[in-house]
Every structure is written in C-alpha cells, then in structure tokens.
Amino acid sequence: MKRHWIRRGLRFLLWATVAVAVFSLIVMCLWNWLLPSLFGWKLITFWQAAGLVILSRILFGGLHGHSGRHLHWRARMKERWEQMTPEERDKFRQGLRERCSRFEPPPAKPTA
C-alpha cells in the first residue's frame, strides 16, 4: 500500500516538472519572439521564464487545487432543477431574464 502512494507521488512530481518545463519553454519562446521586437525589452532565459510561470501561478491561480469544484456546483444545481415544479422553473427563468436584462439597453419609448 505504501509503495502505491510513493509511486503516485513520484508520478505527480514527474508530470508537474514536465508541465512547468513545457510552460516555461512556451513563455520563453513567446516572450523572446514578441516583446523585444514590440517594446524593445531584453530576451529572457529558460529559468527566468520558469520564474514567471511560477509567479503568475502564485499571483493569479493561487496555491490550492481546483479539482471538481465546478462539477460539484453543476450537479447540485441539476438536482435542484429536477426537484422544481414547472411553475417554479418558469419563475426561475423569469428572474434570470430580469437580472440579466439590466445589461441590455432599455427599450426606446415612443414619442408622442
């Protein structure tokens, strides 16, 4: 049983390393292709690109995982929808239309 967890941990570490390396290479290539010619910025190395990837993950993605969070919400909403009567569903739809219609321009009033 313990070997299973060690093997899974090593496999995760391997794939995480490969993912960071691939994203770093992509960032480095895009940076060195676009930014020096557009803005006159300096070229960056692979390790600087890896630092940018990790920094952007910390700043914009956080350090926690997001596995299954959206699927749980969807399943819960589907369950609630199935328990609604047709009248409740119509009322729910109408409420969504009213809330989302505030972003649409108001209808033109006829001038008399």
C-alpha atoms as a PDB file:
ATOM      1  CA  MET A   1       0.000   0.000   0.000  1.00  0.00           C
ATOM      2  CA  LYS A   2       2.812   2.394   0.852  1.00  0.00           C
ATOM      3  CA  ARG A   3       4.535   1.745  -2.478  1.00  0.00           C
ATOM      4  CA  HIS A   4       1.355   2.766  -4.273  1.00  0.00           C
ATOM      5  CA  TRP A   5       1.411   6.217  -2.651  1.00  0.00           C
ATOM      6  CA  ILE A   6       5.120   6.631  -3.263  1.00  0.00           C
ATOM      7  CA  ARG A   7       4.668   5.708  -6.918  1.00  0.00           C
ATOM      8  CA  ARG A   8       1.750   8.132  -7.268  1.00  0.00           C
ATOM      9  CA  GLY A   9       3.757  10.886  -5.617  1.00  0.00           C
ATOM     10  CA  LEU A  10       6.727  10.327  -7.901  1.00  0.00           C
ATOM     11  CA  ARG A  11       4.461  10.237 -10.951  1.00  0.00           C
ATOM     12  CA  PHE A  12       2.829  13.514  -9.879  1.00  0.00           C
ATOM     13  CA  LEU A  13       6.217  15.118  -9.295  1.00  0.00           C
ATOM     14  CA  LEU A  14       7.402  13.990 -12.722  1.00  0.00           C
ATOM     15  CA  TRP A  15       4.333  15.356 -14.523  1.00  0.00           C
ATOM     16  CA  ALA A  16       4.431  18.629 -12.561  1.00  0.00           C
ATOM     17  CA  THR A  17       8.082  19.077 -13.532  1.00  0.00           C
ATOM     18  CA  VAL A  18       7.315  18.342 -17.181  1.00  0.00           C
ATOM     19  CA  ALA A  19       4.358  20.771 -17.132  1.00  0.00           C
ATOM     20  CA  VAL A  20       6.429  23.593 -15.630  1.00  0.00           C
ATOM     21  CA  ALA A  21       9.220  22.924 -18.132  1.00  0.00           C
ATOM     22  CA  VAL A  22       6.841  22.964 -21.118  1.00  0.00           C
ATOM     23  CA  PHE A  23       5.039  26.119 -19.967  1.00  0.00           C
ATOM     24  CA  SER A  24       8.378  27.781 -19.254  1.00  0.00           C
ATOM     25  CA  LEU A  25       9.612  26.954 -22.736  1.00  0.00           C
ATOM     26  CA  ILE A  26       6.410  28.327 -24.275  1.00  0.00           C
ATOM     27  CA  VAL A  27       6.633  31.531 -22.202  1.00  0.00           C
ATOM     28  CA  MET A  28      10.308  31.959 -23.087  1.00  0.00           C
ATOM     29  CA  CYS A  29       9.707  31.464 -26.809  1.00  0.00           C
ATOM     30  CA  LEU A  30       6.716  33.817 -26.913  1.00  0.00           C
ATOM     31  CA  TRP A  31       8.475  36.458 -24.821  1.00  0.00           C
ATOM     32  CA  ASN A  32      11.657  36.348 -26.902  1.00  0.00           C
ATOM     33  CA  TRP A  33       9.684  36.374 -30.139  1.00  0.00           C
ATOM     34  CA  LEU A  34       7.284  39.217 -29.349  1.00  0.00           C
ATOM     35  CA  LEU A  35       8.414  41.559 -26.624  1.00  0.00           C
ATOM     36  CA  PRO A  36      11.905  42.544 -27.808  1.00  0.00           C
ATOM     37  CA  SER A  37      10.613  43.492 -31.252  1.00  0.00           C
ATOM     38  CA  LEU A  38       7.449  45.210 -29.979  1.00  0.00           C
ATOM     39  CA  PHE A  39       8.710  47.027 -26.897  1.00  0.00           C
ATOM     40  CA  GLY A  40      12.498  46.733 -27.033  1.00  0.00           C
ATOM     41  CA  TRP A  41      12.654  44.585 -23.893  1.00  0.00           C
ATOM     42  CA  LYS A  42      15.508  42.159 -23.253  1.00  0.00           C
ATOM     43  CA  LEU A  43      15.494  38.455 -24.024  1.00  0.00           C
ATOM     44  CA  ILE A  44      14.864  36.114 -21.093  1.00  0.00           C
ATOM     45  CA  THR A  45      16.378  32.752 -20.198  1.00  0.00           C
ATOM     46  CA  PHE A  46      14.572  29.489 -19.544  1.00  0.00           C
ATOM     47  CA  TRP A  47      14.928  29.933 -15.768  1.00  0.00           C
ATOM     48  CA  GLN A  48      13.521  33.448 -15.887  1.00  0.00           C
ATOM     49  CA  ALA A  49      10.553  32.112 -17.859  1.00  0.00           C
ATOM     50  CA  ALA A  50      10.107  29.347 -15.254  1.00  0.00           C
ATOM     51  CA  GLY A  51      10.097  32.018 -12.558  1.00  0.00           C
ATOM     52  CA  LEU A  52       7.438  33.956 -14.468  1.00  0.00           C
ATOM     53  CA  VAL A  53       5.279  30.822 -14.790  1.00  0.00           C
ATOM     54  CA  ILE A  54       5.537  30.078 -11.083  1.00  0.00           C
ATOM     55  CA  LEU A  55       4.989  33.715 -10.102  1.00  0.00           C
ATOM     56  CA  SER A  56       1.906  34.006 -12.302  1.00  0.00           C
ATOM     57  CA  ARG A  57       0.525  30.795 -10.790  1.00  0.00           C
ATOM     58  CA  ILE A  58       1.003  32.188  -7.287  1.00  0.00           C
ATOM     59  CA  LEU A  59      -0.444  35.622  -8.114  1.00  0.00           C
ATOM     60  CA  PHE A  60      -3.338  34.621 -10.356  1.00  0.00           C
ATOM     61  CA  GLY A  61      -4.063  30.970  -9.665  1.00  0.00           C
ATOM     62  CA  GLY A  62      -3.293  30.529  -6.003  1.00  0.00           C
ATOM     63  CA  LEU A  63      -1.538  27.565  -4.496  1.00  0.00           C
ATOM     64  CA  HIS A  64      -4.581  25.378  -3.912  1.00  0.00           C
ATOM     65  CA  GLY A  65      -6.115  22.902  -6.328  1.00  0.00           C
ATOM     66  CA  HIS A  66      -9.424  23.448  -8.074  1.00  0.00           C
ATOM     67  CA  SER A  67     -10.322  19.841  -8.753  1.00  0.00           C
ATOM     68  CA  GLY A  68     -14.021  19.146  -9.082  1.00  0.00           C
ATOM     69  CA  ARG A  69     -15.281  22.429  -7.653  1.00  0.00           C
ATOM     70  CA  HIS A  70     -17.267  23.388 -10.750  1.00  0.00           C
ATOM     71  CA  LEU A  71     -18.614  19.888 -11.267  1.00  0.00           C
ATOM     72  CA  HIS A  72     -19.992  19.829  -7.732  1.00  0.00           C
ATOM     73  CA  TRP A  73     -21.867  23.087  -8.316  1.00  0.00           C
ATOM     74  CA  ARG A  74     -23.301  21.807 -11.580  1.00  0.00           C
ATOM     75  CA  ALA A  75     -24.514  18.543 -10.043  1.00  0.00           C
ATOM     76  CA  ARG A  76     -26.105  20.403  -7.135  1.00  0.00           C
ATOM     77  CA  MET A  77     -27.869  22.816  -9.498  1.00  0.00           C
ATOM     78  CA  LYS A  78     -29.115  19.949 -11.670  1.00  0.00           C
ATOM     79  CA  GLU A  79     -30.536  18.210  -8.603  1.00  0.00           C
ATOM     80  CA  ARG A  80     -32.331  21.380  -7.517  1.00  0.00           C
ATOM     81  CA  TRP A  81     -33.681  21.916 -11.052  1.00  0.00           C
ATOM     82  CA  GLU A  82     -35.102  18.398 -11.190  1.00  0.00           C
ATOM     83  CA  GLN A  83     -36.934  18.960  -7.900  1.00  0.00           C
ATOM     84  CA  MET A  84     -38.638  22.141  -9.139  1.00  0.00           C
ATOM     85  CA  THR A  85     -42.171  22.162 -10.459  1.00  0.00           C
ATOM     86  CA  PRO A  86     -42.772  23.600 -13.956  1.00  0.00           C
ATOM     87  CA  GLU A  87     -44.141  26.790 -12.362  1.00  0.00           C
ATOM     88  CA  GLU A  88     -41.009  27.180 -10.198  1.00  0.00           C
ATOM     89  CA  ARG A  89     -38.823  26.668 -13.271  1.00  0.00           C
ATOM     90  CA  ASP A  90     -40.695  29.370 -15.188  1.00  0.00           C
ATOM     91  CA  LYS A  91     -40.389  31.734 -12.213  1.00  0.00           C
ATOM     92  CA  PHE A  92     -36.646  30.986 -12.002  1.00  0.00           C
ATOM     93  CA  ARG A  93     -36.171  31.643 -15.727  1.00  0.00           C
ATOM     94  CA  GLN A  94     -38.093  34.901 -15.477  1.00  0.00           C
ATOM     95  CA  GLY A  95     -35.943  36.010 -12.548  1.00  0.00           C
ATOM     96  CA  LEU A  96     -32.791  35.306 -14.569  1.00  0.00           C
ATOM     97  CA  ARG A  97     -34.155  37.275 -17.511  1.00  0.00           C
ATOM     98  CA  GLU A  98     -34.926  40.236 -15.269  1.00  0.00           C
ATOM     99  CA  ARG A  99     -31.497  40.190 -13.636  1.00  0.00           C
ATOM    100  CA  CYS A 100     -29.598  39.767 -16.891  1.00  0.00           C
ATOM    101  CA  SER A 101     -31.672  42.216 -18.904  1.00  0.00           C
ATOM    102  CA  ARG A 102     -30.282  45.148 -16.922  1.00  0.00           C
ATOM    103  CA  PHE A 103     -27.208  44.964 -19.125  1.00  0.00           C
ATOM    104  CA  GLU A 104     -29.272  45.395 -22.269  1.00  0.00           C
ATOM    105  CA  PRO A 105     -30.200  48.906 -23.367  1.00  0.00           C
ATOM    106  CA  PRO A 106     -33.699  49.905 -22.258  1.00  0.00           C
ATOM    107  CA  PRO A 107     -36.364  49.773 -24.942  1.00  0.00           C
ATOM    108  CA  ALA A 108     -36.956  53.037 -26.764  1.00  0.00           C
ATOM    109  CA  LYS A 109     -40.020  54.914 -25.583  1.00  0.00           C
ATOM    110  CA  PRO A 110     -42.378  56.082 -28.309  1.00  0.00           C
ATOM    111  CA  THR A 111     -42.514  59.846 -28.666  1.00  0.00           C
ATOM    112  CA  ALA A 112     -45.931  61.421 -28.907  1.00  0.00           C
END
